């Protein structure tokens, strides 16, 4: 069997596509089983939670008391880094979907090269 440039490129595309898909699936497994942390694309600012906790209730108006009560309830309901963790998880899911799509396209391109060489 003669090895042509077309067959070599087809093999390279297929192997690289498989490696990309394998890398993506392996890292997704590690991230979602908590063996690795998600890439930190979004980071919560350090001073926002502590500045809200230090503000005492000084106003006696009903609106300010209700506003402070709602802030305290939301602070207790949501953990400190939950929003940034959700955004980091979402960004990984989007990137992993892109990697799966790109790996599939490379495999398909390699397959097309192999079919074109057999005609």
N, C-alpha and C. Protein backbone atom coordinates (compact mmCIF):
# COMPACT_ATOMS: atom_id res chain seq x y z
N UNK A 1 0.84 -1.18 0.00
CA UNK A 1 0.00 0.00 0.00
C UNK A 1 0.88 1.24 0.00
N UNK A 2 0.60 2.10 -0.88
CA UNK A 2 1.39 3.32 -1.04
C UNK A 2 0.87 4.40 -0.08
N UNK A 3 1.81 5.01 0.64
CA UNK A 3 1.44 6.10 1.55
C UNK A 3 1.56 7.41 0.79
N UNK A 4 0.43 8.06 0.65
CA UNK A 4 0.41 9.34 -0.04
C UNK A 4 0.26 10.46 0.98
N UNK A 5 0.42 11.67 0.49
CA UNK A 5 0.26 12.84 1.36
C UNK A 5 -1.18 12.90 1.87
N UNK A 6 -2.11 12.54 1.02
CA UNK A 6 -3.53 12.55 1.39
C UNK A 6 -3.79 11.56 2.53
N UNK A 7 -3.24 10.35 2.44
CA UNK A 7 -3.42 9.36 3.50
C UNK A 7 -2.72 9.79 4.79
N UNK A 8 -1.57 10.42 4.66
CA UNK A 8 -0.84 10.89 5.83
C UNK A 8 -1.63 12.00 6.54
N UNK A 9 -2.16 12.95 5.76
CA UNK A 9 -2.97 14.01 6.35
C UNK A 9 -4.24 13.45 6.98
N UNK A 10 -4.85 12.49 6.33
CA UNK A 10 -6.06 11.87 6.87
C UNK A 10 -5.76 11.23 8.22
N UNK A 11 -4.66 10.50 8.28
CA UNK A 11 -4.29 9.85 9.55
C UNK A 11 -3.98 10.88 10.62
N UNK A 12 -3.28 11.95 10.26
CA UNK A 12 -2.98 13.02 11.22
C UNK A 12 -4.24 13.68 11.74
N UNK A 13 -5.20 13.97 10.86
CA UNK A 13 -6.45 14.60 11.27
C UNK A 13 -7.24 13.68 12.19
N UNK A 14 -7.31 12.41 11.84
CA UNK A 14 -8.08 11.47 12.66
C UNK A 14 -7.44 11.30 14.03
N UNK A 15 -6.13 11.14 14.09
CA UNK A 15 -5.44 10.97 15.37
C UNK A 15 -5.56 12.22 16.23
N UNK A 16 -5.38 13.40 15.62
CA UNK A 16 -5.49 14.63 16.41
C UNK A 16 -6.93 14.85 16.89
N UNK A 17 -7.92 14.52 16.08
CA UNK A 17 -9.31 14.63 16.51
C UNK A 17 -9.62 13.70 17.67
N UNK A 18 -9.13 12.48 17.60
CA UNK A 18 -9.35 11.52 18.69
C UNK A 18 -8.65 11.99 19.95
N UNK A 19 -7.44 12.53 19.83
CA UNK A 19 -6.73 13.04 21.01
C UNK A 19 -7.45 14.23 21.64
N UNK A 20 -8.00 15.11 20.82
CA UNK A 20 -8.74 16.26 21.35
C UNK A 20 -9.98 15.79 22.10
N UNK A 21 -10.72 14.87 21.52
CA UNK A 21 -11.93 14.35 22.16
C UNK A 21 -11.56 13.63 23.46
N UNK A 22 -10.51 12.82 23.44
CA UNK A 22 -10.08 12.10 24.64
C UNK A 22 -9.66 13.07 25.73
N UNK A 23 -8.87 14.10 25.38
CA UNK A 23 -8.43 15.12 26.34
C UNK A 23 -9.64 15.81 26.96
N UNK A 24 -10.61 16.15 26.14
CA UNK A 24 -11.81 16.84 26.61
C UNK A 24 -12.60 15.96 27.57
N UNK A 25 -12.83 14.73 27.20
CA UNK A 25 -13.61 13.83 28.05
C UNK A 25 -12.89 13.53 29.36
N UNK A 26 -11.59 13.34 29.30
CA UNK A 26 -10.81 13.05 30.50
C UNK A 26 -10.83 14.23 31.47
N UNK A 27 -10.60 15.43 30.95
CA UNK A 27 -10.62 16.60 31.83
C UNK A 27 -12.01 16.87 32.37
N UNK A 28 -13.04 16.67 31.57
CA UNK A 28 -14.41 16.85 32.06
C UNK A 28 -14.71 15.85 33.18
N UNK A 29 -14.23 14.63 33.03
CA UNK A 29 -14.41 13.64 34.09
C UNK A 29 -13.73 14.11 35.37
N UNK A 30 -12.50 14.59 35.27
CA UNK A 30 -11.78 15.06 36.45
C UNK A 30 -12.47 16.27 37.09
N UNK A 31 -12.98 17.19 36.29
CA UNK A 31 -13.63 18.37 36.83
C UNK A 31 -14.95 18.01 37.52
N UNK A 32 -15.75 17.17 36.90
CA UNK A 32 -17.07 16.88 37.46
C UNK A 32 -17.05 15.83 38.56
N UNK A 33 -15.93 15.15 38.77
CA UNK A 33 -15.79 14.26 39.92
C UNK A 33 -14.97 14.92 41.02
N UNK A 34 -14.70 16.20 40.88
CA UNK A 34 -14.00 17.03 41.88
C UNK A 34 -12.57 16.55 42.14
N UNK A 35 -11.94 15.93 41.16
CA UNK A 35 -10.54 15.57 41.30
C UNK A 35 -9.64 16.74 40.89
N UNK A 36 -10.19 17.67 40.11
CA UNK A 36 -9.51 18.91 39.73
C UNK A 36 -10.50 20.04 39.88
N UNK A 37 -9.99 21.25 40.08
CA UNK A 37 -10.85 22.41 40.11
C UNK A 37 -11.08 22.91 38.69
N UNK A 38 -12.24 23.50 38.47
CA UNK A 38 -12.53 24.08 37.16
C UNK A 38 -11.56 25.23 36.90
N UNK A 39 -11.22 25.49 35.65
CA UNK A 39 -10.36 26.64 35.34
C UNK A 39 -11.03 27.93 35.83
N UNK A 40 -10.23 28.78 36.47
CA UNK A 40 -10.76 30.00 37.07
C UNK A 40 -10.80 31.13 36.05
N UNK A 41 -11.88 31.18 35.29
CA UNK A 41 -12.09 32.25 34.32
C UNK A 41 -12.70 33.46 35.03
N UNK A 42 -13.64 33.18 35.94
CA UNK A 42 -14.32 34.22 36.71
C UNK A 42 -13.90 34.09 38.16
N UNK A 43 -13.50 35.21 38.77
CA UNK A 43 -13.08 35.22 40.16
C UNK A 43 -13.92 36.25 40.90
N UNK A 44 -14.46 35.85 42.05
CA UNK A 44 -15.27 36.77 42.85
C UNK A 44 -14.35 37.77 43.54
N UNK A 45 -14.73 39.05 43.56
CA UNK A 45 -13.92 40.03 44.28
C UNK A 45 -13.92 39.73 45.78
N UNK A 46 -12.81 40.00 46.43
CA UNK A 46 -12.65 39.64 47.84
C UNK A 46 -13.43 40.55 48.79
N UNK A 47 -13.54 41.83 48.49
CA UNK A 47 -14.06 42.78 49.46
C UNK A 47 -15.56 42.95 49.48
N UNK A 48 -16.31 42.36 48.57
CA UNK A 48 -17.75 42.67 48.51
C UNK A 48 -18.52 42.08 49.67
N UNK A 49 -18.26 40.84 50.05
CA UNK A 49 -19.03 40.21 51.12
C UNK A 49 -18.69 40.82 52.46
N UNK A 50 -17.40 41.06 52.73
CA UNK A 50 -17.00 41.58 54.03
C UNK A 50 -17.48 43.02 54.22
N UNK A 51 -17.56 43.81 53.15
CA UNK A 51 -18.02 45.18 53.30
C UNK A 51 -19.51 45.22 53.62
N UNK A 52 -20.28 44.24 53.13
CA UNK A 52 -21.70 44.19 53.46
C UNK A 52 -21.90 43.75 54.90
N UNK A 53 -21.06 42.85 55.40
CA UNK A 53 -21.20 42.36 56.75
C UNK A 53 -20.84 43.41 57.78
N UNK A 54 -19.93 44.31 57.46
CA UNK A 54 -19.48 45.31 58.42
C UNK A 54 -20.44 46.48 58.53
N UNK A 55 -21.36 46.64 57.60
CA UNK A 55 -22.27 47.78 57.62
C UNK A 55 -23.35 47.55 58.67
N UNK A 56 -23.33 48.31 59.77
CA UNK A 56 -24.36 48.13 60.80
C UNK A 56 -25.66 48.79 60.39
N UNK A 57 -26.74 48.35 61.00
CA UNK A 57 -28.04 48.96 60.72
C UNK A 57 -28.15 50.21 61.59
N UNK A 58 -28.01 51.38 60.98
CA UNK A 58 -28.06 52.63 61.74
C UNK A 58 -29.36 53.38 61.50
N UNK A 59 -29.99 53.13 60.40
CA UNK A 59 -31.21 53.84 60.07
C UNK A 59 -32.40 53.13 60.69
N UNK A 60 -33.34 53.94 61.17
CA UNK A 60 -34.52 53.35 61.79
C UNK A 60 -35.69 53.29 60.83
N UNK A 61 -35.47 53.73 59.61
CA UNK A 61 -36.59 53.68 58.67
C UNK A 61 -36.90 52.24 58.28
N UNK A 62 -38.12 51.98 58.01
CA UNK A 62 -38.58 50.63 57.70
C UNK A 62 -37.96 50.11 56.41
N UNK A 63 -37.77 50.96 55.39
CA UNK A 63 -37.21 50.52 54.11
C UNK A 63 -35.78 50.03 54.28
N UNK A 64 -34.97 50.74 55.03
CA UNK A 64 -33.58 50.33 55.23
C UNK A 64 -33.49 49.04 56.02
N UNK A 65 -34.36 48.87 57.01
CA UNK A 65 -34.34 47.64 57.80
C UNK A 65 -34.74 46.43 56.93
N UNK A 66 -35.74 46.62 56.07
CA UNK A 66 -36.17 45.53 55.19
C UNK A 66 -35.08 45.22 54.17
N UNK A 67 -34.46 46.28 53.62
CA UNK A 67 -33.36 46.08 52.66
C UNK A 67 -32.20 45.32 53.27
N UNK A 68 -31.83 45.68 54.49
CA UNK A 68 -30.73 44.98 55.17
C UNK A 68 -31.12 43.55 55.51
N UNK A 69 -32.38 43.32 55.87
CA UNK A 69 -32.84 41.97 56.16
C UNK A 69 -32.78 41.09 54.91
N UNK A 70 -33.18 41.65 53.77
CA UNK A 70 -33.12 40.89 52.52
C UNK A 70 -31.68 40.59 52.14
N UNK A 71 -30.79 41.55 52.31
CA UNK A 71 -29.36 41.31 52.02
C UNK A 71 -28.81 40.19 52.88
N UNK A 72 -29.18 40.19 54.14
CA UNK A 72 -28.69 39.15 55.04
C UNK A 72 -29.24 37.77 54.66
N UNK A 73 -30.50 37.72 54.26
CA UNK A 73 -31.10 36.44 53.86
C UNK A 73 -30.46 35.91 52.58
N UNK A 74 -30.19 36.79 51.63
CA UNK A 74 -29.54 36.36 50.39
C UNK A 74 -28.12 35.89 50.68
N UNK A 75 -27.42 36.54 51.57
CA UNK A 75 -26.07 36.15 51.95
C UNK A 75 -26.06 34.77 52.59
N UNK A 76 -27.09 34.47 53.38
CA UNK A 76 -27.18 33.15 54.01
C UNK A 76 -27.61 32.08 53.00
N UNK A 77 -28.39 32.47 52.01
CA UNK A 77 -28.91 31.52 51.03
C UNK A 77 -27.84 31.09 50.03
N UNK A 78 -27.03 32.03 49.56
CA UNK A 78 -26.00 31.74 48.56
C UNK A 78 -24.63 31.65 49.24
N UNK A 79 -23.90 30.56 49.02
CA UNK A 79 -22.53 30.51 49.53
C UNK A 79 -21.66 31.59 48.88
N UNK A 80 -20.51 31.83 49.46
CA UNK A 80 -19.68 32.96 49.07
C UNK A 80 -19.25 32.94 47.61
N UNK A 81 -18.79 31.81 47.10
CA UNK A 81 -18.27 31.75 45.73
C UNK A 81 -19.19 31.00 44.77
N UNK A 82 -20.46 30.87 45.09
CA UNK A 82 -21.33 30.04 44.27
C UNK A 82 -21.55 30.62 42.88
N UNK A 83 -21.64 31.92 42.76
CA UNK A 83 -21.88 32.52 41.45
C UNK A 83 -20.65 32.36 40.55
N UNK A 84 -19.46 32.62 41.09
CA UNK A 84 -18.26 32.47 40.27
C UNK A 84 -18.01 31.00 39.92
N UNK A 85 -18.34 30.08 40.83
CA UNK A 85 -18.19 28.66 40.51
C UNK A 85 -19.15 28.23 39.41
N UNK A 86 -20.37 28.73 39.46
CA UNK A 86 -21.34 28.39 38.41
C UNK A 86 -20.91 28.96 37.06
N UNK A 87 -20.36 30.17 37.07
CA UNK A 87 -19.88 30.76 35.82
C UNK A 87 -18.66 30.00 35.29
N UNK A 88 -17.76 29.58 36.18
CA UNK A 88 -16.59 28.80 35.74
C UNK A 88 -17.01 27.45 35.18
N UNK A 89 -18.00 26.82 35.80
CA UNK A 89 -18.50 25.54 35.29
C UNK A 89 -19.16 25.73 33.93
N UNK A 90 -19.93 26.79 33.78
CA UNK A 90 -20.59 27.06 32.50
C UNK A 90 -19.57 27.35 31.41
N UNK A 91 -18.53 28.10 31.74
CA UNK A 91 -17.51 28.39 30.73
C UNK A 91 -16.78 27.13 30.31
N UNK A 92 -16.53 26.19 31.24
CA UNK A 92 -15.90 24.93 30.86
C UNK A 92 -16.82 24.11 29.96
N UNK A 93 -18.11 24.09 30.28
CA UNK A 93 -19.06 23.32 29.46
C UNK A 93 -19.09 23.86 28.04
N UNK A 94 -19.07 25.17 27.89
CA UNK A 94 -19.07 25.78 26.55
C UNK A 94 -17.78 25.42 25.82
N UNK A 95 -16.63 25.55 26.51
CA UNK A 95 -15.35 25.23 25.88
C UNK A 95 -15.24 23.75 25.54
N UNK A 96 -15.73 22.88 26.44
CA UNK A 96 -15.68 21.44 26.19
C UNK A 96 -16.57 21.07 25.00
N UNK A 97 -17.71 21.73 24.88
CA UNK A 97 -18.58 21.48 23.73
C UNK A 97 -17.89 21.88 22.43
N UNK A 98 -17.19 23.01 22.47
CA UNK A 98 -16.43 23.42 21.29
C UNK A 98 -15.34 22.41 20.95
N UNK A 99 -14.63 21.91 21.96
CA UNK A 99 -13.58 20.92 21.71
C UNK A 99 -14.15 19.64 21.12
N UNK A 100 -15.29 19.18 21.64
CA UNK A 100 -15.92 17.99 21.07
C UNK A 100 -16.32 18.21 19.61
N UNK A 101 -16.88 19.38 19.33
CA UNK A 101 -17.27 19.70 17.97
C UNK A 101 -16.03 19.76 17.05
N UNK A 102 -14.96 20.42 17.51
CA UNK A 102 -13.75 20.54 16.70
C UNK A 102 -13.09 19.18 16.48
N UNK A 103 -13.04 18.35 17.52
CA UNK A 103 -12.48 17.01 17.36
C UNK A 103 -13.28 16.17 16.39
N UNK A 104 -14.60 16.28 16.46
CA UNK A 104 -15.45 15.55 15.51
C UNK A 104 -15.26 16.03 14.08
N UNK A 105 -15.08 17.35 13.91
CA UNK A 105 -14.83 17.89 12.57
C UNK A 105 -13.50 17.39 12.02
N UNK A 106 -12.47 17.33 12.87
CA UNK A 106 -11.17 16.82 12.42
C UNK A 106 -11.27 15.35 12.02
N UNK A 107 -11.98 14.57 12.81
CA UNK A 107 -12.16 13.16 12.47
C UNK A 107 -12.92 13.03 11.15
N UNK A 108 -13.96 13.83 10.97
CA UNK A 108 -14.72 13.80 9.72
C UNK A 108 -13.89 14.23 8.53
N UNK A 109 -13.04 15.24 8.73
CA UNK A 109 -12.16 15.69 7.65
C UNK A 109 -11.16 14.61 7.26
N UNK A 110 -10.60 13.93 8.26
CA UNK A 110 -9.70 12.82 7.98
C UNK A 110 -10.40 11.69 7.26
N UNK A 111 -11.63 11.42 7.65
CA UNK A 111 -12.42 10.39 6.99
C UNK A 111 -12.69 10.75 5.53
N UNK A 112 -13.03 12.01 5.30
CA UNK A 112 -13.24 12.48 3.91
C UNK A 112 -11.97 12.34 3.08
N UNK A 113 -10.83 12.64 3.68
CA UNK A 113 -9.56 12.49 2.96
C UNK A 113 -9.31 11.03 2.60
N UNK A 114 -9.62 10.13 3.52
CA UNK A 114 -9.43 8.72 3.24
C UNK A 114 -10.37 8.24 2.14
N UNK A 115 -11.61 8.68 2.17
CA UNK A 115 -12.57 8.29 1.12
C UNK A 115 -12.17 8.87 -0.23
N UNK A 116 -11.67 10.08 -0.23
CA UNK A 116 -11.25 10.70 -1.49
C UNK A 116 -10.04 10.02 -2.09
N UNK A 117 -9.18 9.46 -1.25
CA UNK A 117 -7.99 8.77 -1.75
C UNK A 117 -8.27 7.39 -2.30
N UNK A 118 -9.42 6.82 -1.96
CA UNK A 118 -9.74 5.46 -2.39
C UNK A 118 -10.47 5.42 -3.73
N UNK A 119 -10.91 6.55 -4.23
CA UNK A 119 -11.67 6.58 -5.49
C UNK A 119 -10.83 6.18 -6.67
